[in-house]
C-alpha atoms as a PDB file:
ATOM      1  CA  UNK A   1       0.179  -0.131  -0.051  1.00  0.00           C
ATOM      2  CA  UNK A   2       1.751   3.271  -0.991  1.00  0.00           C
ATOM      3  CA  UNK A   3       0.649   6.704  -1.178  1.00  0.00           C
ATOM      4  CA  UNK A   4      -0.689   7.126  -4.679  1.00  0.00           C
ATOM      5  CA  UNK A   5      -1.051   3.263  -5.357  1.00  0.00           C
ATOM      6  CA  UNK A   6      -2.067  -0.201  -3.948  1.00  0.00           C
ATOM      7  CA  UNK A   7       0.033  -3.358  -5.465  1.00  0.00           C
ATOM      8  CA  UNK A   8      -1.248  -7.124  -4.965  1.00  0.00           C
ATOM      9  CA  UNK A   9       1.010 -10.229  -5.336  1.00  0.00           C
ATOM     10  CA  UNK A  10      -0.718 -13.518  -5.117  1.00  0.00           C
ATOM     11  CA  UNK A  11       2.080 -16.280  -4.650  1.00  0.00           C
ATOM     12  CA  UNK A  12       2.745 -18.670  -7.724  1.00  0.00           C
ATOM     13  CA  UNK A  13       0.600 -21.524  -6.183  1.00  0.00           C
ATOM     14  CA  UNK A  14      -1.434 -19.231  -5.032  1.00  0.00           C
ATOM     15  CA  UNK A  15      -1.882 -20.706  -1.691  1.00  0.00           C
ATOM     16  CA  UNK A  16      -3.283 -18.602  -0.149  1.00  0.00           C
ATOM     17  CA  UNK A  17      -6.883 -16.868  -2.037  1.00  0.00           C
ATOM     18  CA  UNK A  18      -6.590 -12.645  -2.602  1.00  0.00           C
ATOM     19  CA  UNK A  19      -9.730 -11.085  -4.079  1.00  0.00           C
ATOM     20  CA  UNK A  20     -10.412  -8.077  -6.112  1.00  0.00           C
ATOM     21  CA  UNK A  21     -13.370  -5.865  -5.323  1.00  0.00           C
ATOM     22  CA  UNK A  22     -14.819  -2.495  -6.246  1.00  0.00           C
ATOM     23  CA  UNK A  23     -17.561  -0.402  -5.247  1.00  0.00           C
ATOM     24  CA  UNK A  24     -19.097   2.621  -7.451  1.00  0.00           C
ATOM     25  CA  UNK A  25     -19.956   1.635 -11.206  1.00  0.00           C
ATOM     26  CA  UNK A  26     -17.604  -0.721 -11.953  1.00  0.00           C
ATOM     27  CA  UNK A  27     -16.602   0.877 -15.660  1.00  0.00           C
ATOM     28  CA  UNK A  28     -15.075   3.521 -13.224  1.00  0.00           C
ATOM     29  CA  UNK A  29     -14.749   2.249  -9.383  1.00  0.00           C
ATOM     30  CA  UNK A  30     -14.850   5.057  -6.775  1.00  0.00           C
ATOM     31  CA  UNK A  31     -13.271   2.300  -4.676  1.00  0.00           C
ATOM     32  CA  UNK A  32     -10.903  -0.676  -4.995  1.00  0.00           C
ATOM     33  CA  UNK A  33     -10.827  -3.558  -1.884  1.00  0.00           C
ATOM     34  CA  UNK A  34      -8.146  -6.753  -1.719  1.00  0.00           C
ATOM     35  CA  UNK A  35      -8.916  -9.417   0.852  1.00  0.00           C
ATOM     36  CA  UNK A  36      -8.316 -12.692   1.302  1.00  0.00           C
ATOM     37  CA  UNK A  37     -11.903 -14.129   1.142  1.00  0.00           C
ATOM     38  CA  UNK A  38     -14.947 -12.804  -0.300  1.00  0.00           C
ATOM     39  CA  UNK A  39     -16.993 -12.436   2.406  1.00  0.00           C
ATOM     40  CA  UNK A  40     -14.949  -9.416   3.326  1.00  0.00           C
ATOM     41  CA  UNK A  41     -17.157  -7.403   0.391  1.00  0.00           C
ATOM     42  CA  UNK A  42     -20.522  -8.362   1.641  1.00  0.00           C
ATOM     43  CA  UNK A  43     -19.956  -6.764   4.862  1.00  0.00           C
ATOM     44  CA  UNK A  44     -17.884  -3.673   3.015  1.00  0.00           C
ATOM     45  CA  UNK A  45     -20.749  -2.555   0.007  1.00  0.00           C
ATOM     46  CA  UNK A  46     -18.293  -3.502  -2.111  1.00  0.00           C
ATOM     47  CA  UNK A  47     -18.740  -6.204  -5.274  1.00  0.00           C
ATOM     48  CA  UNK A  48     -16.346  -9.146  -6.555  1.00  0.00           C
ATOM     49  CA  UNK A  49     -14.124  -8.528  -9.747  1.00  0.00           C
ATOM     50  CA  UNK A  50     -11.916 -11.605  -9.679  1.00  0.00           C
ATOM     51  CA  UNK A  51      -9.394 -13.112  -8.040  1.00  0.00           C
ATOM     52  CA  UNK A  52      -5.552 -12.398  -8.339  1.00  0.00           C
ATOM     53  CA  UNK A  53      -4.139 -15.463 -10.361  1.00  0.00           C
ATOM     54  CA  UNK A  54      -1.831 -17.183  -8.892  1.00  0.00           C
ATOM     55  CA  UNK A  55       1.816 -15.485  -9.485  1.00  0.00           C
ATOM     56  CA  UNK A  56       0.147 -12.100 -10.410  1.00  0.00           C
ATOM     57  CA  UNK A  57       1.400  -8.487  -9.722  1.00  0.00           C
ATOM     58  CA  UNK A  58      -1.775  -6.210  -9.914  1.00  0.00           C
ATOM     59  CA  UNK A  59      -0.912  -2.266  -9.617  1.00  0.00           C
ATOM     60  CA  UNK A  60      -3.764  -0.038  -8.876  1.00  0.00           C
ATOM     61  CA  UNK A  61      -3.297   3.520  -8.846  1.00  0.00           C
ATOM     62  CA  UNK A  62      -5.268   6.677 -10.736  1.00  0.00           C
ATOM     63  CA  UNK A  63      -4.927   5.396 -14.468  1.00  0.00           C
ATOM     64  CA  UNK A  64      -6.812   2.196 -13.703  1.00  0.00           C
ATOM     65  CA  UNK A  65      -5.170  -1.168 -12.961  1.00  0.00           C
ATOM     66  CA  UNK A  66      -2.312  -2.955 -14.671  1.00  0.00           C
ATOM     67  CA  UNK A  67      -1.438  -6.946 -14.426  1.00  0.00           C
ATOM     68  CA  UNK A  68       2.121  -8.670 -14.794  1.00  0.00           C
ATOM     69  CA  UNK A  69       3.291 -11.912 -14.257  1.00  0.00           C
ATOM     70  CA  UNK A  70       5.999 -12.857 -11.999  1.00  0.00           C
ATOM     71  CA  UNK A  71       9.256 -14.942 -13.204  1.00  0.00           C
ATOM     72  CA  UNK A  72       8.145 -18.690 -11.598  1.00  0.00           C
ATOM     73  CA  UNK A  73       6.679 -21.425 -13.153  1.00  0.00           C
ATOM     74  CA  UNK A  74       2.723 -21.342 -12.068  1.00  0.00           C
ATOM     75  CA  UNK A  75       1.514 -24.612 -10.118  1.00  0.00           C
ATOM     76  CA  UNK A  76      -2.132 -23.212  -8.613  1.00  0.00           C
ATOM     77  CA  UNK A  77      -2.496 -25.197  -5.100  1.00  0.00           C
ATOM     78  CA  UNK A  78      -5.202 -23.688  -3.032  1.00  0.00           C
ATOM     79  CA  UNK A  79      -5.203 -24.094   0.530  1.00  0.00           C
ATOM     80  CA  UNK A  80      -7.477 -26.954   1.192  1.00  0.00           C
ATOM     81  CA  UNK A  81      -7.687 -25.868   4.733  1.00  0.00           C
ATOM     82  CA  UNK A  82      -9.398 -22.679   3.883  1.00  0.00           C
ATOM     83  CA  UNK A  83     -12.611 -24.645   2.715  1.00  0.00           C
ATOM     84  CA  UNK A  84     -12.147 -26.704   5.707  1.00  0.00           C
ATOM     85  CA  UNK A  85     -11.696 -24.193   8.606  1.00  0.00           C
ATOM     86  CA  UNK A  86     -10.296 -20.866   8.000  1.00  0.00           C
ATOM     87  CA  UNK A  87     -12.758 -19.416   5.661  1.00  0.00           C
ATOM     88  CA  UNK A  88     -16.199 -17.686   7.026  1.00  0.00           C
ATOM     89  CA  UNK A  89     -18.882 -19.839   5.527  1.00  0.00           C
ATOM     90  CA  UNK A  90     -20.030 -16.860   2.961  1.00  0.00           C
ATOM     91  CA  UNK A  91     -17.432 -16.932   1.276  1.00  0.00           C
ATOM     92  CA  UNK A  92     -16.909 -17.840  -2.205  1.00  0.00           C
ATOM     93  CA  UNK A  93     -13.320 -19.465  -3.855  1.00  0.00           C
ATOM     94  CA  UNK A  94     -12.958 -19.416  -7.738  1.00  0.00           C
ATOM     95  CA  UNK A  95     -10.822 -22.239  -8.527  1.00  0.00           C
ATOM     96  CA  UNK A  96      -8.977 -23.239 -11.825  1.00  0.00           C
ATOM     97  CA  UNK A  97      -9.559 -27.081 -12.865  1.00  0.00           C
ATOM     98  CA  UNK A  98      -6.637 -28.908 -14.141  1.00  0.00           C
ATOM     99  CA  UNK A  99      -8.822 -28.424 -17.894  1.00  0.00           C
ATOM    100  CA  UNK A 100      -8.686 -24.459 -17.595  1.00  0.00           C
ATOM    101  CA  UNK A 101     -12.311 -24.415 -16.523  1.00  0.00           C
ATOM    102  CA  UNK A 102     -13.044 -21.708 -13.621  1.00  0.00           C
ATOM    103  CA  UNK A 103     -15.518 -22.995 -10.958  1.00  0.00           C
ATOM    104  CA  UNK A 104     -16.970 -21.112  -8.175  1.00  0.00           C
ATOM    105  CA  UNK A 105     -17.286 -23.239  -4.829  1.00  0.00           C
ATOM    106  CA  UNK A 106     -19.079 -21.931  -2.017  1.00  0.00           C
ATOM    107  CA  UNK A 107     -17.733 -22.674   1.489  1.00  0.00           C
ATOM    108  CA  UNK A 108     -21.189 -23.374   3.406  1.00  0.00           C
ATOM    109  CA  UNK A 109     -21.907 -25.963   0.612  1.00  0.00           C
ATOM    110  CA  UNK A 110     -18.563 -27.414   0.962  1.00  0.00           C
ATOM    111  CA  UNK A 111     -18.486 -27.972   4.320  1.00  0.00           C
ATOM    112  CA  UNK A 112     -22.204 -29.445   4.111  1.00  0.00           C
ATOM    113  CA  UNK A 113     -20.763 -31.791   1.569  1.00  0.00           C
ATOM    114  CA  UNK A 114     -18.267 -32.894   3.860  1.00  0.00           C
ATOM    115  CA  UNK A 115     -20.583 -33.563   7.099  1.00  0.00           C
ATOM    116  CA  UNK A 116     -23.073 -35.876   4.268  1.00  0.00           C
ATOM    117  CA  UNK A 117     -18.989 -37.739   2.999  1.00  0.00           C
ATOM    118  CA  UNK A 118     -18.561 -38.450   6.702  1.00  0.00           C
ATOM    119  CA  UNK A 119     -21.882 -39.635   7.703  1.00  0.00           C
ATOM    120  CA  UNK A 120     -21.694 -42.274   4.127  1.00  0.00           C
ATOM    121  CA  UNK A 121     -17.867 -43.383   5.623  1.00  0.00           C
ATOM    122  CA  UNK A 122     -19.154 -43.792   9.149  1.00  0.00           C
ATOM    123  CA  UNK A 123     -23.057 -45.520   8.542  1.00  0.00           C
ATOM    124  CA  UNK A 124     -23.003 -47.344  11.897  1.00  0.00           C
ATOM    125  CA  UNK A 125     -23.217 -44.140  13.840  1.00  0.00           C
ATOM    126  CA  UNK A 126     -26.916 -44.553  12.613  1.00  0.00           C
ATOM    127  CA  UNK A 127     -27.723 -46.191  16.474  1.00  0.00           C
ATOM    128  CA  UNK A 128     -26.901 -42.975  17.999  1.00  0.00           C
ATOM    129  CA  UNK A 129     -29.543 -40.214  19.472  1.00  0.00           C
ATOM    130  CA  UNK A 130     -28.031 -36.876  18.285  1.00  0.00           C
ATOM    131  CA  UNK A 131     -25.927 -34.981  15.958  1.00  0.00           C
ATOM    132  CA  UNK A 132     -24.301 -31.799  17.817  1.00  0.00           C
ATOM    133  CA  UNK A 133     -21.882 -29.601  15.831  1.00  0.00           C
ATOM    134  CA  UNK A 134     -18.619 -27.931  17.527  1.00  0.00           C
ATOM    135  CA  UNK A 135     -19.881 -24.472  17.198  1.00  0.00           C
ATOM    136  CA  UNK A 136     -19.530 -22.515  14.890  1.00  0.00           C
ATOM    137  CA  UNK A 137     -17.014 -24.096  12.230  1.00  0.00           C
ATOM    138  CA  UNK A 138     -18.314 -27.809  12.758  1.00  0.00           C
ATOM    139  CA  UNK A 139     -22.279 -26.516  12.287  1.00  0.00           C
ATOM    140  CA  UNK A 140     -22.453 -27.183   8.382  1.00  0.00           C
ATOM    141  CA  UNK A 141     -21.083 -30.152   8.550  1.00  0.00           C
ATOM    142  CA  UNK A 142     -23.230 -31.849  11.558  1.00  0.00           C
ATOM    143  CA  UNK A 143     -26.138 -30.817   9.146  1.00  0.00           C
ATOM    144  CA  UNK A 144     -24.645 -32.436   6.565  1.00  0.00           C
ATOM    145  CA  UNK A 145     -23.855 -35.228   8.901  1.00  0.00           C
ATOM    146  CA  UNK A 146     -27.564 -35.384  10.479  1.00  0.00           C
ATOM    147  CA  UNK A 147     -29.456 -35.351   7.264  1.00  0.00           C
ATOM    148  CA  UNK A 148     -27.645 -38.075   5.384  1.00  0.00           C
ATOM    149  CA  UNK A 149     -27.311 -40.093   8.702  1.00  0.00           C
ATOM    150  CA  UNK A 150     -30.978 -39.201   9.904  1.00  0.00           C
ATOM    151  CA  UNK A 151     -29.757 -38.932  13.001  1.00  0.00           C
ATOM    152  CA  UNK A 152     -31.905 -35.413  14.736  1.00  0.00           C
ATOM    153  CA  UNK A 153     -29.543 -32.747  14.697  1.00  0.00           C
ATOM    154  CA  UNK A 154     -29.553 -30.827  18.154  1.00  0.00           C
ATOM    155  CA  UNK A 155     -27.444 -28.257  20.302  1.00  0.00           C
ATOM    156  CA  UNK A 156     -25.048 -29.675  22.829  1.00  0.00           C
ATOM    157  CA  UNK A 157     -23.931 -25.958  23.402  1.00  0.00           C
ATOM    158  CA  UNK A 158     -24.660 -22.343  23.287  1.00  0.00           C
ATOM    159  CA  UNK A 159     -21.834 -19.956  22.525  1.00  0.00           C
ATOM    160  CA  UNK A 160     -20.998 -16.696  23.763  1.00  0.00           C
ATOM    161  CA  UNK A 161     -21.759 -14.202  20.669  1.00  0.00           C
ATOM    162  CA  UNK A 162     -19.293 -11.616  22.670  1.00  0.00           C
ATOM    163  CA  UNK A 163     -16.445 -13.950  22.416  1.00  0.00           C
ATOM    164  CA  UNK A 164     -14.376 -13.456  19.256  1.00  0.00           C
ATOM    165  CA  UNK A 165     -11.285 -15.049  19.739  1.00  0.00           C
ATOM    166  CA  UNK A 166     -10.290 -18.405  17.467  1.00  0.00           C
ATOM    167  CA  UNK A 167      -9.111 -20.671  19.896  1.00  0.00           C
ATOM    168  CA  UNK A 168      -7.149 -22.562  17.058  1.00  0.00           C
ATOM    169  CA  UNK A 169      -4.841 -19.577  16.343  1.00  0.00           C
ATOM    170  CA  UNK A 170      -4.006 -18.724  20.128  1.00  0.00           C
ATOM    171  CA  UNK A 171      -0.216 -19.983  21.023  1.00  0.00           C
ATOM    172  CA  UNK A 172      -0.669 -20.409  24.692  1.00  0.00           C
ATOM    173  CA  UNK A 173      -2.596 -23.574  25.493  1.00  0.00           C
ATOM    174  CA  UNK A 174      -3.800 -22.750  28.846  1.00  0.00           C
ATOM    175  CA  UNK A 175      -5.493 -19.609  26.795  1.00  0.00           C
ATOM    176  CA  UNK A 176      -6.975 -22.273  24.259  1.00  0.00           C
ATOM    177  CA  UNK A 177      -8.232 -23.584  26.836  1.00  0.00           C
ATOM    178  CA  UNK A 178      -9.825 -20.873  29.212  1.00  0.00           C
ATOM    179  CA  UNK A 179     -11.037 -19.690  26.002  1.00  0.00           C
ATOM    180  CA  UNK A 180     -13.227 -22.735  25.065  1.00  0.00           C
ATOM    181  CA  UNK A 181     -15.008 -22.758  28.175  1.00  0.00           C
ATOM    182  CA  UNK A 182     -15.478 -18.897  28.258  1.00  0.00           C
ATOM    183  CA  UNK A 183     -17.288 -19.232  24.565  1.00  0.00           C
ATOM    184  CA  UNK A 184     -18.923 -22.602  24.766  1.00  0.00           C
ATOM    185  CA  UNK A 185     -21.515 -23.636  27.579  1.00  0.00           C
ATOM    186  CA  UNK A 186     -23.472 -26.877  27.602  1.00  0.00           C
ATOM    187  CA  UNK A 187     -27.138 -27.670  27.504  1.00  0.00           C
ATOM    188  CA  UNK A 188     -27.444 -30.001  30.173  1.00  0.00           C
ATOM    189  CA  UNK A 189     -31.382 -30.265  29.505  1.00  0.00           C
ATOM    190  CA  UNK A 190     -30.341 -31.664  26.040  1.00  0.00           C
ATOM    191  CA  UNK A 191     -27.786 -34.217  26.972  1.00  0.00           C
ATOM    192  CA  UNK A 192     -28.980 -36.305  29.903  1.00  0.00           C
ATOM    193  CA  UNK A 193     -28.396 -39.973  29.116  1.00  0.00           C
ATOM    194  CA  UNK A 194     -27.967 -39.040  25.206  1.00  0.00           C
ATOM    195  CA  UNK A 195     -25.478 -40.738  22.690  1.00  0.00           C
ATOM    196  CA  UNK A 196     -23.967 -38.146  20.582  1.00  0.00           C
ATOM    197  CA  UNK A 197     -22.068 -37.380  17.462  1.00  0.00           C
ATOM    198  CA  UNK A 198     -19.810 -34.526  17.780  1.00  0.00           C
ATOM    199  CA  UNK A 199     -18.960 -32.910  14.429  1.00  0.00           C
ATOM    200  CA  UNK A 200     -15.753 -30.673  14.496  1.00  0.00           C
ATOM    201  CA  UNK A 201     -14.299 -29.392  10.969  1.00  0.00           C
ATOM    202  CA  UNK A 202     -10.679 -30.518  12.360  1.00  0.00           C
ATOM    203  CA  UNK A 203      -8.849 -31.996  15.001  1.00  0.00           C
ATOM    204  CA  UNK A 204      -5.141 -30.575  15.225  1.00  0.00           C
ATOM    205  CA  UNK A 205      -4.048 -29.886  18.917  1.00  0.00           C
ATOM    206  CA  UNK A 206      -7.240 -31.845  20.434  1.00  0.00           C
ATOM    207  CA  UNK A 207      -7.876 -28.420  22.742  1.00  0.00           C
ATOM    208  CA  UNK A 208     -11.386 -28.110  21.958  1.00  0.00           C
ATOM    209  CA  UNK A 209     -12.474 -31.777  21.715  1.00  0.00           C
ATOM    210  CA  UNK A 210     -11.112 -32.985  24.881  1.00  0.00           C
ATOM    211  CA  UNK A 211     -12.537 -29.828  26.898  1.00  0.00           C
ATOM    212  CA  UNK A 212     -15.966 -30.426  25.585  1.00  0.00           C
ATOM    213  CA  UNK A 213     -16.594 -33.511  25.263  1.00  0.00           C
ATOM    214  CA  UNK A 214     -15.884 -33.809  28.924  1.00  0.00           C
ATOM    215  CA  UNK A 215     -18.114 -30.877  29.202  1.00  0.00           C
ATOM    216  CA  UNK A 216     -20.922 -32.901  27.935  1.00  0.00           C
ATOM    217  CA  UNK A 217     -20.217 -36.190  29.817  1.00  0.00           C
ATOM    218  CA  UNK A 218     -20.182 -34.056  33.049  1.00  0.00           C
ATOM    219  CA  UNK A 219     -23.284 -32.402  31.923  1.00  0.00           C
ATOM    220  CA  UNK A 220     -25.131 -35.883  31.797  1.00  0.00           C
ATOM    221  CA  UNK A 221     -24.160 -37.720  27.705  1.00  0.00           C
ATOM    222  CA  UNK A 222     -23.890 -41.232  28.356  1.00  0.00           C
ATOM    223  CA  UNK A 223     -21.636 -41.704  25.248  1.00  0.00           C
ATOM    224  CA  UNK A 224     -19.405 -39.004  22.701  1.00  0.00           C
ATOM    225  CA  UNK A 225     -18.275 -40.013  19.937  1.00  0.00           C
ATOM    226  CA  UNK A 226     -16.349 -38.030  17.909  1.00  0.00           C
ATOM    227  CA  UNK A 227     -16.677 -37.309  14.223  1.00  0.00           C
ATOM    228  CA  UNK A 228     -14.168 -35.081  12.136  1.00  0.00           C
ATOM    229  CA  UNK A 229     -15.611 -33.757   9.063  1.00  0.00           C
ATOM    230  CA  UNK A 230     -11.745 -33.643   7.336  1.00  0.00           C
ATOM    231  CA  UNK A 231      -8.354 -35.873   7.744  1.00  0.00           C
ATOM    232  CA  UNK A 232      -5.780 -36.254  10.491  1.00  0.00           C
ATOM    233  CA  UNK A 233      -3.806 -33.058  10.724  1.00  0.00           C
ATOM    234  CA  UNK A 234      -0.161 -34.611  10.621  1.00  0.00           C
ATOM    235  CA  UNK A 235       1.910 -32.154   9.522  1.00  0.00           C
ATOM    236  CA  UNK A 236       2.820 -28.620  10.415  1.00  0.00           C
ATOM    237  CA  UNK A 237       1.883 -25.782   7.648  1.00  0.00           C
ATOM    238  CA  UNK A 238       4.492 -22.971   6.523  1.00  0.00           C
ATOM    239  CA  UNK A 239       2.387 -21.336   4.751  1.00  0.00           C
ATOM    240  CA  UNK A 240       1.164 -18.546   6.727  1.00  0.00           C
ATOM    241  CA  UNK A 241      -0.809 -20.572   9.236  1.00  0.00           C
ATOM    242  CA  UNK A 242       0.774 -20.895  13.051  1.00  0.00           C
ATOM    243  CA  UNK A 243       0.237 -24.374  13.646  1.00  0.00           C
ATOM    244  CA  UNK A 244       2.633 -26.244  15.802  1.00  0.00           C
ATOM    245  CA  UNK A 245       5.553 -28.218  15.490  1.00  0.00           C
ATOM    246  CA  UNK A 246       4.868 -31.890  14.945  1.00  0.00           C
ATOM    247  CA  UNK A 247       4.938 -33.019  18.593  1.00  0.00           C
ATOM    248  CA  UNK A 248       1.944 -30.939  18.973  1.00  0.00           C
ATOM    249  CA  UNK A 249       0.108 -32.240  16.455  1.00  0.00           C
ATOM    250  CA  UNK A 250      -2.136 -34.889  17.514  1.00  0.00           C
ATOM    251  CA  UNK A 251      -3.204 -37.151  15.029  1.00  0.00           C
ATOM    252  CA  UNK A 252       0.892 -37.150  14.647  1.00  0.00           C
ATOM    253  CA  UNK A 253       1.695 -38.706  17.360  1.00  0.00           C
ATOM    254  CA  UNK A 254      -1.310 -40.813  18.960  1.00  0.00           C
ATOM    255  CA  UNK A 255      -3.574 -43.725  17.027  1.00  0.00           C
ATOM    256  CA  UNK A 256      -7.593 -43.163  16.813  1.00  0.00           C
ATOM    257  CA  UNK A 257      -7.518 -44.724  20.235  1.00  0.00           C
ATOM    258  CA  UNK A 258      -5.431 -43.426  22.116  1.00  0.00           C
ATOM    259  CA  UNK A 259      -6.575 -39.829  21.083  1.00  0.00           C
ATOM    260  CA  UNK A 260      -9.958 -41.213  21.601  1.00  0.00           C
ATOM    261  CA  UNK A 261      -9.181 -41.916  25.046  1.00  0.00           C
ATOM    262  CA  UNK A 262      -6.803 -38.714  25.814  1.00  0.00           C
ATOM    263  CA  UNK A 263      -9.474 -36.184  24.772  1.00  0.00           C
ATOM    264  CA  UNK A 264     -12.486 -38.762  26.454  1.00  0.00           C
ATOM    265  CA  UNK A 265     -14.693 -39.586  23.522  1.00  0.00           C
ATOM    266  CA  UNK A 266     -15.746 -43.294  23.173  1.00  0.00           C
ATOM    267  CA  UNK A 267     -14.556 -43.196  19.812  1.00  0.00           C
ATOM    268  CA  UNK A 268     -13.315 -40.803  16.799  1.00  0.00           C
ATOM    269  CA  UNK A 269     -13.234 -41.109  12.947  1.00  0.00           C
ATOM    270  CA  UNK A 270     -12.235 -39.116   9.985  1.00  0.00           C
ATOM    271  CA  UNK A 271     -13.535 -38.320   6.922  1.00  0.00           C
ATOM    272  CA  UNK A 272     -10.612 -39.678   4.484  1.00  0.00           C
ATOM    273  CA  UNK A 273      -8.950 -37.334   1.933  1.00  0.00           C
ATOM    274  CA  UNK A 274     -10.610 -39.255  -0.983  1.00  0.00           C
ATOM    275  CA  UNK A 275     -13.860 -38.595   0.449  1.00  0.00           C
ATOM    276  CA  UNK A 276     -12.388 -34.898   1.343  1.00  0.00           C
ATOM    277  CA  UNK A 277     -12.305 -34.523  -2.018  1.00  0.00           C
ATOM    278  CA  UNK A 278     -15.463 -35.815  -3.342  1.00  0.00           C
ATOM    279  CA  UNK A 279     -17.009 -33.598  -0.695  1.00  0.00           C
ATOM    280  CA  UNK A 280     -15.241 -30.280  -2.871  1.00  0.00           C
ATOM    281  CA  UNK A 281     -16.057 -31.882  -6.173  1.00  0.00           C
ATOM    282  CA  UNK A 282     -12.419 -30.003  -7.784  1.00  0.00           C
ATOM    283  CA  UNK A 283      -9.703 -32.741  -8.503  1.00  0.00           C
ATOM    284  CA  UNK A 284      -6.682 -32.930  -5.319  1.00  0.00           C
ATOM    285  CA  UNK A 285      -4.118 -31.998  -7.922  1.00  0.00           C
ATOM    286  CA  UNK A 286      -5.501 -28.396  -7.559  1.00  0.00           C
ATOM    287  CA  UNK A 287      -5.057 -28.153  -3.748  1.00  0.00           C
ATOM    288  CA  UNK A 288      -2.188 -28.113  -1.257  1.00  0.00           C
ATOM    289  CA  UNK A 289      -3.066 -30.957   1.338  1.00  0.00           C
ATOM    290  CA  UNK A 290       0.005 -30.982   3.019  1.00  0.00           C
ATOM    291  CA  UNK A 291      -1.075 -30.815   6.758  1.00  0.00           C
ATOM    292  CA  UNK A 292      -2.422 -33.990   5.682  1.00  0.00           C
ATOM    293  CA  UNK A 293      -0.484 -36.380   3.599  1.00  0.00           C
ATOM    294  CA  UNK A 294       3.002 -33.953   3.634  1.00  0.00           C
ATOM    295  CA  UNK A 295       3.270 -33.417   0.391  1.00  0.00           C
ATOM    296  CA  UNK A 296       4.455 -29.782   0.236  1.00  0.00           C
ATOM    297  CA  UNK A 297       3.827 -28.108  -3.056  1.00  0.00           C
ATOM    298  CA  UNK A 298       7.352 -26.204  -2.493  1.00  0.00           C
ATOM    299  CA  UNK A 299      10.578 -27.606  -1.679  1.00  0.00           C
ATOM    300  CA  UNK A 300      10.831 -26.711   1.923  1.00  0.00           C
ATOM    301  CA  UNK A 301      14.304 -25.321   3.667  1.00  0.00           C
ATOM    302  CA  UNK A 302      16.064 -28.101   5.743  1.00  0.00           C
ATOM    303  CA  UNK A 303      16.278 -25.281   8.490  1.00  0.00           C
ATOM    304  CA  UNK A 304      12.294 -24.329   8.590  1.00  0.00           C
ATOM    305  CA  UNK A 305      12.157 -28.853   8.694  1.00  0.00           C
ATOM    306  CA  UNK A 306      14.385 -28.455  12.019  1.00  0.00           C
ATOM    307  CA  UNK A 307      12.597 -25.185  13.259  1.00  0.00           C
ATOM    308  CA  UNK A 308       9.575 -27.049  13.231  1.00  0.00           C
ATOM    309  CA  UNK A 309      10.277 -30.727  14.144  1.00  0.00           C
ATOM    310  CA  UNK A 310      10.319 -32.237  17.529  1.00  0.00           C
ATOM    311  CA  UNK A 311      13.823 -33.173  18.576  1.00  0.00           C
ATOM    312  CA  UNK A 312      13.161 -36.605  18.744  1.00  0.00           C
ATOM    313  CA  UNK A 313      10.560 -37.926  16.585  1.00  0.00           C
ATOM    314  CA  UNK A 314       9.124 -41.121  16.815  1.00  0.00           C
ATOM    315  CA  UNK A 315       9.489 -43.670  14.020  1.00  0.00           C
ATOM    316  CA  UNK A 316       6.032 -44.264  14.083  1.00  0.00           C
ATOM    317  CA  UNK A 317       3.189 -41.536  14.384  1.00  0.00           C
ATOM    318  CA  UNK A 318       0.962 -43.996  16.785  1.00  0.00           C
ATOM    319  CA  UNK A 319       3.238 -43.394  19.533  1.00  0.00           C
ATOM    320  CA  UNK A 320       1.852 -41.107  22.579  1.00  0.00           C
ATOM    321  CA  UNK A 321       4.019 -38.545  23.351  1.00  0.00           C
ATOM    322  CA  UNK A 322       5.150 -37.481  26.858  1.00  0.00           C
ATOM    323  CA  UNK A 323       3.174 -35.168  27.557  1.00  0.00           C
ATOM    324  CA  UNK A 324      -0.659 -34.383  25.720  1.00  0.00           C
ATOM    325  CA  UNK A 325      -2.101 -31.208  25.539  1.00  0.00           C
ATOM    326  CA  UNK A 326      -5.720 -30.578  24.611  1.00  0.00           C
END
């Protein structure tokens, strides 16, 4: 951002989204907007023009807009976690398929589809009493899960609308735990003697689910089965998301039975990566899925790997760590 111009740059892989909007007359806008997701235009009265393309440099000044390309190989790989958790549900991503066709993907519908696919992969859950989301990011997936499984949808928690912090991105463990307890409160009259499916969009450290599973059992639930609308998050992100070292990623260090025991759930199951891609409806090659499969779109400098990796990484991912963070 300069005094007389704006310069927008998106990396050649397009890992993070960037969109251009305007307000006023489209042929001669009064204002231009740049945002990491289209929901920002909804709250500012702006209109979407287009996405900044991977590897594009866009300059906006009094003379208008000028676009050029970075001298690098263009290989679009949008972060798939944007669709799972990071983006607001009313955002839309415009993703270019391998055949060159650009397809708009609504975040809310994608998450709804993830819940549907999760239920398809866990058909045995039909004997349970209710499907309840972890608010708010788990809501669409829980609705989809309920619709497909025919298990009634219910609310297990009421959320404090004045608590705005996202516990996922808080680097302090105790503050993450406090944040969960301060923003979500159990509806005890809905939970007594209930066998429930608790649907969450993802599990990274295990903080939220660990606190909430114990909370609903204390409130009277007799069974809590955690269902995660994404695959196991096993690898750190080096591309702008502050996820921890691998020894703090719960799925990198424990198997499913161990995780269920540590978070006080009766069971835990995940959406497969194949199911995730099917729910979105775009080929996997269009996304960065490194947090799930460890296949990064660019080579990571060894110094960065050392920085993020635990000192004594276990040979097998299913070994429990010395201390587990919830």
